[in-house]
Amino acid sequence: MAVTRSPSSWPRRFVTFLHNRCAWVTPLSRDNLDDLYTLCIEVECETLRRAAPFSAAENRRLARLLTLVDKASRSVSSLHPAAQLLDA
């Protein structure tokens, strides 16, 4: 399978459609999976290249938000016994 840059052709490659009946995931060969994995890596790398780095102030704010989320998660776990099952 050739790696294409056109997103509109991706669904046709990975899903088989029977008009007005059904659709199913097309079986993938090892080469197809290798191509798909390579494409994912390329997309992720390009996304990182395009992403603007966070400023120091933004990093501090994100760290505070993560701390608050962690505290809230622990608080919910201590209040409700069923929530403790999620930590297991």
PDB file of N, CA and C in Angstrom:
ATOM      1  N   MET A   1       0.848  -1.175   0.000  1.00  0.00           N
ATOM      2  CA  MET A   1       0.000   0.000   0.000  1.00  0.00           C
ATOM      3  C   MET A   1       0.888   1.230   0.000  1.00  0.00           C
ATOM      4  N   ALA A   2       0.686   2.099  -0.915  1.00  0.00           N
ATOM      5  CA  ALA A   2       1.467   3.330  -0.973  1.00  0.00           C
ATOM      6  C   ALA A   2       0.931   4.323   0.048  1.00  0.00           C
ATOM      7  N   VAL A   3       1.836   5.011   0.695  1.00  0.00           N
ATOM      8  CA  VAL A   3       1.418   6.025   1.655  1.00  0.00           C
ATOM      9  C   VAL A   3       1.000   7.251   0.873  1.00  0.00           C
ATOM     10  N   THR A   4      -0.228   7.675   1.085  1.00  0.00           N
ATOM     11  CA  THR A   4      -0.738   8.836   0.377  1.00  0.00           C
ATOM     12  C   THR A   4      -0.849  10.010   1.325  1.00  0.00           C
ATOM     13  N   ARG A   5      -0.741  11.185   0.810  1.00  0.00           N
ATOM     14  CA  ARG A   5      -0.863  12.391   1.627  1.00  0.00           C
ATOM     15  C   ARG A   5      -2.301  12.915   1.621  1.00  0.00           C
ATOM     16  N   SER A   6      -3.175  12.275   0.894  1.00  0.00           N
ATOM     17  CA  SER A   6      -4.554  12.734   0.767  1.00  0.00           C
ATOM     18  C   SER A   6      -5.443  12.061   1.806  1.00  0.00           C
ATOM     19  N   PRO A   7      -5.904  12.821   2.826  1.00  0.00           N
ATOM     20  CA  PRO A   7      -6.744  12.218   3.869  1.00  0.00           C
ATOM     21  C   PRO A   7      -8.052  11.645   3.340  1.00  0.00           C
ATOM     22  N   SER A   8      -8.563  12.164   2.236  1.00  0.00           N
ATOM     23  CA  SER A   8      -9.854  11.689   1.739  1.00  0.00           C
ATOM     24  C   SER A   8      -9.797  10.238   1.276  1.00  0.00           C
ATOM     25  N   SER A   9      -8.620   9.731   0.952  1.00  0.00           N
ATOM     26  CA  SER A   9      -8.514   8.348   0.489  1.00  0.00           C
ATOM     27  C   SER A   9      -8.301   7.367   1.642  1.00  0.00           C
ATOM     28  N   TRP A  10      -7.995   7.860   2.845  1.00  0.00           N
ATOM     29  CA  TRP A  10      -7.722   6.961   3.964  1.00  0.00           C
ATOM     30  C   TRP A  10      -8.909   6.070   4.312  1.00  0.00           C
ATOM     31  N   PRO A  11     -10.127   6.599   4.442  1.00  0.00           N
ATOM     32  CA  PRO A  11     -11.241   5.717   4.817  1.00  0.00           C
ATOM     33  C   PRO A  11     -11.466   4.591   3.820  1.00  0.00           C
ATOM     34  N   ARG A  12     -11.282   4.858   2.552  1.00  0.00           N
ATOM     35  CA  ARG A  12     -11.492   3.814   1.545  1.00  0.00           C
ATOM     36  C   ARG A  12     -10.463   2.706   1.673  1.00  0.00           C
ATOM     37  N   ARG A  13      -9.294   3.031   2.180  1.00  0.00           N
ATOM     38  CA  ARG A  13      -8.244   2.026   2.307  1.00  0.00           C
ATOM     39  C   ARG A  13      -8.455   1.118   3.516  1.00  0.00           C
ATOM     40  N   PHE A  14      -9.089   1.632   4.562  1.00  0.00           N
ATOM     41  CA  PHE A  14      -9.170   0.888   5.814  1.00  0.00           C
ATOM     42  C   PHE A  14     -10.560   0.375   6.150  1.00  0.00           C
ATOM     43  N   VAL A  15     -11.562   0.791   5.391  1.00  0.00           N
ATOM     44  CA  VAL A  15     -12.927   0.326   5.614  1.00  0.00           C
ATOM     45  C   VAL A  15     -13.505  -0.106   4.270  1.00  0.00           C
ATOM     46  N   THR A  16     -14.104  -1.292   4.260  1.00  0.00           N
ATOM     47  CA  THR A  16     -14.758  -1.798   3.051  1.00  0.00           C
ATOM     48  C   THR A  16     -16.261  -1.581   3.213  1.00  0.00           C
ATOM     49  N   PHE A  17     -16.863  -0.968   2.206  1.00  0.00           N
ATOM     50  CA  PHE A  17     -18.290  -0.659   2.250  1.00  0.00           C
ATOM     51  C   PHE A  17     -19.042  -1.515   1.238  1.00  0.00           C
ATOM     52  N   LEU A  18     -20.191  -2.027   1.641  1.00  0.00           N
ATOM     53  CA  LEU A  18     -21.119  -2.688   0.736  1.00  0.00           C
ATOM     54  C   LEU A  18     -22.319  -1.761   0.659  1.00  0.00           C
ATOM     55  N   HIS A  19     -22.530  -1.134  -0.486  1.00  0.00           N
ATOM     56  CA  HIS A  19     -23.512  -0.067  -0.653  1.00  0.00           C
ATOM     57  C   HIS A  19     -24.860  -0.413  -0.007  1.00  0.00           C
ATOM     58  N   ASN A  20     -25.302   0.474   0.881  1.00  0.00           N
ATOM     59  CA  ASN A  20     -26.583   0.357   1.585  1.00  0.00           C
ATOM     60  C   ASN A  20     -26.717  -0.923   2.411  1.00  0.00           C
ATOM     61  N   ARG A  21     -25.621  -1.546   2.749  1.00  0.00           N
ATOM     62  CA  ARG A  21     -25.708  -2.800   3.513  1.00  0.00           C
ATOM     63  C   ARG A  21     -24.878  -2.744   4.790  1.00  0.00           C
ATOM     64  N   CYS A  22     -23.583  -2.652   4.628  1.00  0.00           N
ATOM     65  CA  CYS A  22     -22.722  -2.720   5.799  1.00  0.00           C
ATOM     66  C   CYS A  22     -21.330  -2.189   5.468  1.00  0.00           C
ATOM     67  N   ALA A  23     -20.510  -2.149   6.485  1.00  0.00           N
ATOM     68  CA  ALA A  23     -19.109  -1.770   6.336  1.00  0.00           C
ATOM     69  C   ALA A  23     -18.304  -2.592   7.333  1.00  0.00           C
ATOM     70  N   TRP A  24     -17.067  -2.865   6.993  1.00  0.00           N
ATOM     71  CA  TRP A  24     -16.202  -3.601   7.903  1.00  0.00           C
ATOM     72  C   TRP A  24     -14.763  -3.140   7.696  1.00  0.00           C
ATOM     73  N   VAL A  25     -13.963  -3.370   8.710  1.00  0.00           N
ATOM     74  CA  VAL A  25     -12.550  -2.998   8.633  1.00  0.00           C
ATOM     75  C   VAL A  25     -11.865  -3.940   7.657  1.00  0.00           C
ATOM     76  N   THR A  26     -11.171  -3.357   6.718  1.00  0.00           N
ATOM     77  CA  THR A  26     -10.453  -4.140   5.719  1.00  0.00           C
ATOM     78  C   THR A  26      -9.267  -4.841   6.382  1.00  0.00           C
ATOM     79  N   PRO A  27      -9.087  -6.132   6.129  1.00  0.00           N
ATOM     80  CA  PRO A  27      -7.907  -6.814   6.686  1.00  0.00           C
ATOM     81  C   PRO A  27      -6.623  -6.140   6.193  1.00  0.00           C
ATOM     82  N   LEU A  28      -5.679  -5.975   7.095  1.00  0.00           N
ATOM     83  CA  LEU A  28      -4.431  -5.302   6.757  1.00  0.00           C
ATOM     84  C   LEU A  28      -3.279  -6.293   6.749  1.00  0.00           C
ATOM     85  N   SER A  29      -2.433  -6.146   5.765  1.00  0.00           N
ATOM     86  CA  SER A  29      -1.232  -6.970   5.708  1.00  0.00           C
ATOM     87  C   SER A  29      -0.161  -6.339   6.599  1.00  0.00           C
ATOM     88  N   ARG A  30       0.907  -7.058   6.813  1.00  0.00           N
ATOM     89  CA  ARG A  30       2.012  -6.522   7.612  1.00  0.00           C
ATOM     90  C   ARG A  30       2.570  -5.260   6.951  1.00  0.00           C
ATOM     91  N   ASP A  31       2.667  -5.248   5.623  1.00  0.00           N
ATOM     92  CA  ASP A  31       3.148  -4.064   4.912  1.00  0.00           C
ATOM     93  C   ASP A  31       2.207  -2.882   5.121  1.00  0.00           C
ATOM     94  N   ASN A  32       0.880  -3.146   5.108  1.00  0.00           N
ATOM     95  CA  ASN A  32      -0.096  -2.079   5.365  1.00  0.00           C
ATOM     96  C   ASN A  32       0.110  -1.495   6.755  1.00  0.00           C
ATOM     97  N   LEU A  33       0.302  -2.373   7.738  1.00  0.00           N
ATOM     98  CA  LEU A  33       0.507  -1.907   9.105  1.00  0.00           C
ATOM     99  C   LEU A  33       1.796  -1.102   9.234  1.00  0.00           C
ATOM    100  N   ASP A  34       2.846  -1.548   8.546  1.00  0.00           N
ATOM    101  CA  ASP A  34       4.106  -0.806   8.559  1.00  0.00           C
ATOM    102  C   ASP A  34       3.910   0.582   7.958  1.00  0.00           C
ATOM    103  N   ASP A  35       3.182   0.663   6.829  1.00  0.00           N
ATOM    104  CA  ASP A  35       2.907   1.949   6.198  1.00  0.00           C
ATOM    105  C   ASP A  35       2.093   2.849   7.119  1.00  0.00           C
ATOM    106  N   LEU A  36       1.093   2.286   7.760  1.00  0.00           N
ATOM    107  CA  LEU A  36       0.239   3.051   8.659  1.00  0.00           C
ATOM    108  C   LEU A  36       1.044   3.563   9.852  1.00  0.00           C
ATOM    109  N   TYR A  37       1.883   2.717  10.409  1.00  0.00           N
ATOM    110  CA  TYR A  37       2.718   3.108  11.541  1.00  0.00           C
ATOM    111  C   TYR A  37       3.687   4.214  11.126  1.00  0.00           C
ATOM    112  N   THR A  38       4.285   4.085   9.945  1.00  0.00           N
ATOM    113  CA  THR A  38       5.196   5.107   9.431  1.00  0.00           C
ATOM    114  C   THR A  38       4.464   6.431   9.257  1.00  0.00           C
ATOM    115  N   LEU A  39       3.264   6.375   8.727  1.00  0.00           N
ATOM    116  CA  LEU A  39       2.474   7.580   8.535  1.00  0.00           C
ATOM    117  C   LEU A  39       2.149   8.238   9.872  1.00  0.00           C
ATOM    118  N   CYS A  40       1.794   7.442  10.881  1.00  0.00           N
ATOM    119  CA  CYS A  40       1.507   7.987  12.209  1.00  0.00           C
ATOM    120  C   CYS A  40       2.727   8.697  12.779  1.00  0.00           C
ATOM    121  N   ILE A  41       3.887   8.098  12.617  1.00  0.00           N
ATOM    122  CA  ILE A  41       5.118   8.717  13.115  1.00  0.00           C
ATOM    123  C   ILE A  41       5.361  10.043  12.397  1.00  0.00           C
ATOM    124  N   GLU A  42       5.161  10.069  11.074  1.00  0.00           N
ATOM    125  CA  GLU A  42       5.358  11.301  10.311  1.00  0.00           C
ATOM    126  C   GLU A  42       4.400  12.394  10.765  1.00  0.00           C
ATOM    127  N   VAL A  43       3.147  12.028  10.994  1.00  0.00           N
ATOM    128  CA  VAL A  43       2.149  13.012  11.436  1.00  0.00           C
ATOM    129  C   VAL A  43       2.512  13.540  12.816  1.00  0.00           C
ATOM    130  N   GLU A  44       2.897  12.662  13.728  1.00  0.00           N
ATOM    131  CA  GLU A  44       3.255  13.094  15.078  1.00  0.00           C
ATOM    132  C   GLU A  44       4.477  14.004  15.061  1.00  0.00           C
ATOM    133  N   CYS A  45       5.470  13.659  14.264  1.00  0.00           N
ATOM    134  CA  CYS A  45       6.677  14.495  14.183  1.00  0.00           C
ATOM    135  C   CYS A  45       6.359  15.864  13.596  1.00  0.00           C
ATOM    136  N   GLU A  46       5.549  15.895  12.563  1.00  0.00           N
ATOM    137  CA  GLU A  46       5.159  17.167  11.953  1.00  0.00           C
ATOM    138  C   GLU A  46       4.357  18.013  12.940  1.00  0.00           C
ATOM    139  N   THR A  47       3.498  17.371  13.708  1.00  0.00           N
ATOM    140  CA  THR A  47       2.717  18.083  14.713  1.00  0.00           C
ATOM    141  C   THR A  47       3.637  18.723  15.744  1.00  0.00           C
ATOM    142  N   LEU A  48       4.648  17.993  16.194  1.00  0.00           N
ATOM    143  CA  LEU A  48       5.603  18.539  17.152  1.00  0.00           C
ATOM    144  C   LEU A  48       6.393  19.702  16.567  1.00  0.00           C
ATOM    145  N   ARG A  49       6.766  19.585  15.290  1.00  0.00           N
ATOM    146  CA  ARG A  49       7.502  20.673  14.647  1.00  0.00           C
ATOM    147  C   ARG A  49       6.659  21.947  14.573  1.00  0.00           C
ATOM    148  N   ARG A  50       5.356  21.778  14.340  1.00  0.00           N
ATOM    149  CA  ARG A  50       4.470  22.937  14.193  1.00  0.00           C
ATOM    150  C   ARG A  50       4.006  23.518  15.524  1.00  0.00           C
ATOM    151  N   ALA A  51       4.089  22.748  16.575  1.00  0.00           N
ATOM    152  CA  ALA A  51       3.594  23.201  17.880  1.00  0.00           C
ATOM    153  C   ALA A  51       4.508  24.296  18.431  1.00  0.00           C
ATOM    154  N   ALA A  52       3.890  25.316  18.940  1.00  0.00           N
ATOM    155  CA  ALA A  52       4.664  26.383  19.568  1.00  0.00           C
ATOM    156  C   ALA A  52       5.024  25.942  20.978  1.00  0.00           C
ATOM    157  N   PRO A  53       6.259  26.153  21.383  1.00  0.00           N
ATOM    158  CA  PRO A  53       6.638  25.759  22.746  1.00  0.00           C
ATOM    159  C   PRO A  53       5.905  26.623  23.776  1.00  0.00           C
ATOM    160  N   PHE A  54       5.651  26.032  24.920  1.00  0.00           N
ATOM    161  CA  PHE A  54       5.005  26.767  26.000  1.00  0.00           C
ATOM    162  C   PHE A  54       6.009  27.725  26.642  1.00  0.00           C
ATOM    163  N   SER A  55       5.518  28.845  27.083  1.00  0.00           N
ATOM    164  CA  SER A  55       6.365  29.790  27.819  1.00  0.00           C
ATOM    165  C   SER A  55       6.538  29.273  29.245  1.00  0.00           C
ATOM    166  N   ALA A  56       7.455  29.882  29.979  1.00  0.00           N
ATOM    167  CA  ALA A  56       7.690  29.479  31.371  1.00  0.00           C
ATOM    168  C   ALA A  56       6.423  29.695  32.196  1.00  0.00           C
ATOM    169  N   ALA A  57       5.721  30.798  31.949  1.00  0.00           N
ATOM    170  CA  ALA A  57       4.482  31.073  32.689  1.00  0.00           C
ATOM    171  C   ALA A  57       3.422  30.014  32.383  1.00  0.00           C
ATOM    172  N   GLU A  58       3.321  29.612  31.121  1.00  0.00           N
ATOM    173  CA  GLU A  58       2.354  28.565  30.757  1.00  0.00           C
ATOM    174  C   GLU A  58       2.715  27.232  31.404  1.00  0.00           C
ATOM    175  N   ASN A  59       3.997  26.920  31.455  1.00  0.00           N
ATOM    176  CA  ASN A  59       4.432  25.679  32.115  1.00  0.00           C
ATOM    177  C   ASN A  59       4.078  25.685  33.592  1.00  0.00           C
ATOM    178  N   ARG A  60       4.260  26.837  34.269  1.00  0.00           N
ATOM    179  CA  ARG A  60       3.897  26.933  35.686  1.00  0.00           C
ATOM    180  C   ARG A  60       2.392  26.757  35.866  1.00  0.00           C
ATOM    181  N   ARG A  61       1.606  27.376  34.987  1.00  0.00           N
ATOM    182  CA  ARG A  61       0.142  27.252  35.078  1.00  0.00           C
ATOM    183  C   ARG A  61      -0.301  25.806  34.850  1.00  0.00           C
ATOM    184  N   LEU A  62       0.298  25.138  33.870  1.00  0.00           N
ATOM    185  CA  LEU A  62      -0.036  23.727  33.617  1.00  0.00           C
ATOM    186  C   LEU A  62       0.335  22.857  34.818  1.00  0.00           C
ATOM    187  N   ALA A  63       1.472  23.136  35.428  1.00  0.00           N
ATOM    188  CA  ALA A  63       1.877  22.365  36.610  1.00  0.00           C
ATOM    189  C   ALA A  63       0.875  22.550  37.748  1.00  0.00           C
ATOM    190  N   ARG A  64       0.406  23.787  37.949  1.00  0.00           N
ATOM    191  CA  ARG A  64      -0.605  24.027  38.986  1.00  0.00           C
ATOM    192  C   ARG A  64      -1.906  23.294  38.669  1.00  0.00           C
ATOM    193  N   LEU A  65      -2.320  23.314  37.391  1.00  0.00           N
ATOM    194  CA  LEU A  65      -3.548  22.609  36.998  1.00  0.00           C
ATOM    195  C   LEU A  65      -3.423  21.108  37.232  1.00  0.00           C
ATOM    196  N   LEU A  66      -2.279  20.537  36.880  1.00  0.00           N
ATOM    197  CA  LEU A  66      -2.070  19.103  37.108  1.00  0.00           C
ATOM    198  C   LEU A  66      -2.109  18.766  38.589  1.00  0.00           C
ATOM    199  N   THR A  67      -1.548  19.640  39.424  1.00  0.00           N
ATOM    200  CA  THR A  67      -1.596  19.433  40.868  1.00  0.00           C
ATOM    201  C   THR A  67      -3.031  19.451  41.365  1.00  0.00           C
ATOM    202  N   LEU A  68      -3.831  20.416  40.882  1.00  0.00           N
ATOM    203  CA  LEU A  68      -5.237  20.490  41.284  1.00  0.00           C
ATOM    204  C   LEU A  68      -6.023  19.260  40.842  1.00  0.00           C
ATOM    205  N   VAL A  69      -5.776  18.783  39.625  1.00  0.00           N
ATOM    206  CA  VAL A  69      -6.461  17.587  39.124  1.00  0.00           C
ATOM    207  C   VAL A  69      -6.091  16.383  39.982  1.00  0.00           C
ATOM    208  N   ASP A  70      -4.819  16.264  40.334  1.00  0.00           N
ATOM    209  CA  ASP A  70      -4.378  15.152  41.173  1.00  0.00           C
ATOM    210  C   ASP A  70      -5.041  15.198  42.552  1.00  0.00           C
ATOM    211  N   LYS A  71      -5.101  16.388  43.143  1.00  0.00           N
ATOM    212  CA  LYS A  71      -5.753  16.531  44.457  1.00  0.00           C
ATOM    213  C   LYS A  71      -7.237  16.192  44.369  1.00  0.00           C
ATOM    214  N   ALA A  72      -7.890  16.670  43.321  1.00  0.00           N
ATOM    215  CA  ALA A  72      -9.320  16.393  43.158  1.00  0.00           C
ATOM    216  C   ALA A  72      -9.562  14.902  42.979  1.00  0.00           C
ATOM    217  N   SER A  73      -8.705  14.243  42.236  1.00  0.00           N
ATOM    218  CA  SER A  73      -8.838  12.805  42.015  1.00  0.00           C
ATOM    219  C   SER A  73      -8.698  12.044  43.330  1.00  0.00           C
ATOM    220  N   ARG A  74      -7.713  12.423  44.133  1.00  0.00           N
ATOM    221  CA  ARG A  74      -7.531  11.760  45.428  1.00  0.00           C
ATOM    222  C   ARG A  74      -8.687  12.049  46.365  1.00  0.00           C
ATOM    223  N   SER A  75      -9.228  13.243  46.297  1.00  0.00           N
ATOM    224  CA  SER A  75     -10.355  13.626  47.142  1.00  0.00           C
ATOM    225  C   SER A  75     -11.585  12.788  46.806  1.00  0.00           C
ATOM    226  N   VAL A  76     -11.863  12.606  45.516  1.00  0.00           N
ATOM    227  CA  VAL A  76     -13.014  11.796  45.092  1.00  0.00           C
ATOM    228  C   VAL A  76     -12.817  10.352  45.529  1.00  0.00           C
ATOM    229  N   SER A  77     -11.610   9.838  45.390  1.00  0.00           N
ATOM    230  CA  SER A  77     -11.337   8.452  45.786  1.00  0.00           C
ATOM    231  C   SER A  77     -11.567   8.236  47.274  1.00  0.00           C
ATOM    232  N   SER A  78     -11.236   9.238  48.078  1.00  0.00           N
ATOM    233  CA  SER A  78     -11.397   9.067  49.523  1.00  0.00           C
ATOM    234  C   SER A  78     -12.856   9.198  49.949  1.00  0.00           C
ATOM    235  N   LEU A  79     -13.680   9.906  49.185  1.00  0.00           N
ATOM    236  CA  LEU A  79     -15.078  10.108  49.545  1.00  0.00           C
ATOM    237  C   LEU A  79     -15.979   8.948  49.159  1.00  0.00           C
ATOM    238  N   HIS A  80     -15.668   8.273  48.079  1.00  0.00           N
ATOM    239  CA  HIS A  80     -16.563   7.242  47.562  1.00  0.00           C
ATOM    240  C   HIS A  80     -15.814   5.921  47.450  1.00  0.00           C
ATOM    241  N   PRO A  81     -16.260   4.882  48.171  1.00  0.00           N
ATOM    242  CA  PRO A  81     -15.539   3.595  48.159  1.00  0.00           C
ATOM    243  C   PRO A  81     -15.446   2.975  46.775  1.00  0.00           C
ATOM    244  N   ALA A  82     -16.467   3.150  45.945  1.00  0.00           N
ATOM    245  CA  ALA A  82     -16.423   2.557  44.610  1.00  0.00           C
ATOM    246  C   ALA A  82     -15.338   3.190  43.745  1.00  0.00           C
ATOM    247  N   ALA A  83     -15.040   4.459  43.990  1.00  0.00           N
ATOM    248  CA  ALA A  83     -14.010   5.141  43.217  1.00  0.00           C
ATOM    249  C   ALA A  83     -12.642   4.531  43.459  1.00  0.00           C
ATOM    250  N   GLN A  84     -12.444   3.906  44.620  1.00  0.00           N
ATOM    251  CA  GLN A  84     -11.159   3.278  44.916  1.00  0.00           C
ATOM    252  C   GLN A  84     -10.885   2.095  43.995  1.00  0.00           C
ATOM    253  N   LEU A  85     -11.932   1.507  43.453  1.00  0.00           N
ATOM    254  CA  LEU A  85     -11.754   0.397  42.511  1.00  0.00           C
ATOM    255  C   LEU A  85     -11.063   0.876  41.245  1.00  0.00           C
ATOM    256  N   LEU A  86     -11.256   2.146  40.878  1.00  0.00           N
ATOM    257  CA  LEU A  86     -10.648   2.675  39.681  1.00  0.00           C
ATOM    258  C   LEU A  86      -9.134   2.789  39.841  1.00  0.00           C
ATOM    259  N   ASP A  87      -8.667   2.957  41.057  1.00  0.00           N
ATOM    260  CA  ASP A  87      -7.227   3.080  41.302  1.00  0.00           C
ATOM    261  C   ASP A  87      -6.526   1.726  41.276  1.00  0.00           C
ATOM    262  N   ALA A  88      -7.289   0.654  41.413  1.00  0.00           N
ATOM    263  CA  ALA A  88      -6.683  -0.680  41.482  1.00  0.00           C
ATOM    264  C   ALA A  88      -6.208  -1.160  40.140  1.00  0.00           C
TER     265      ALA A  88
END
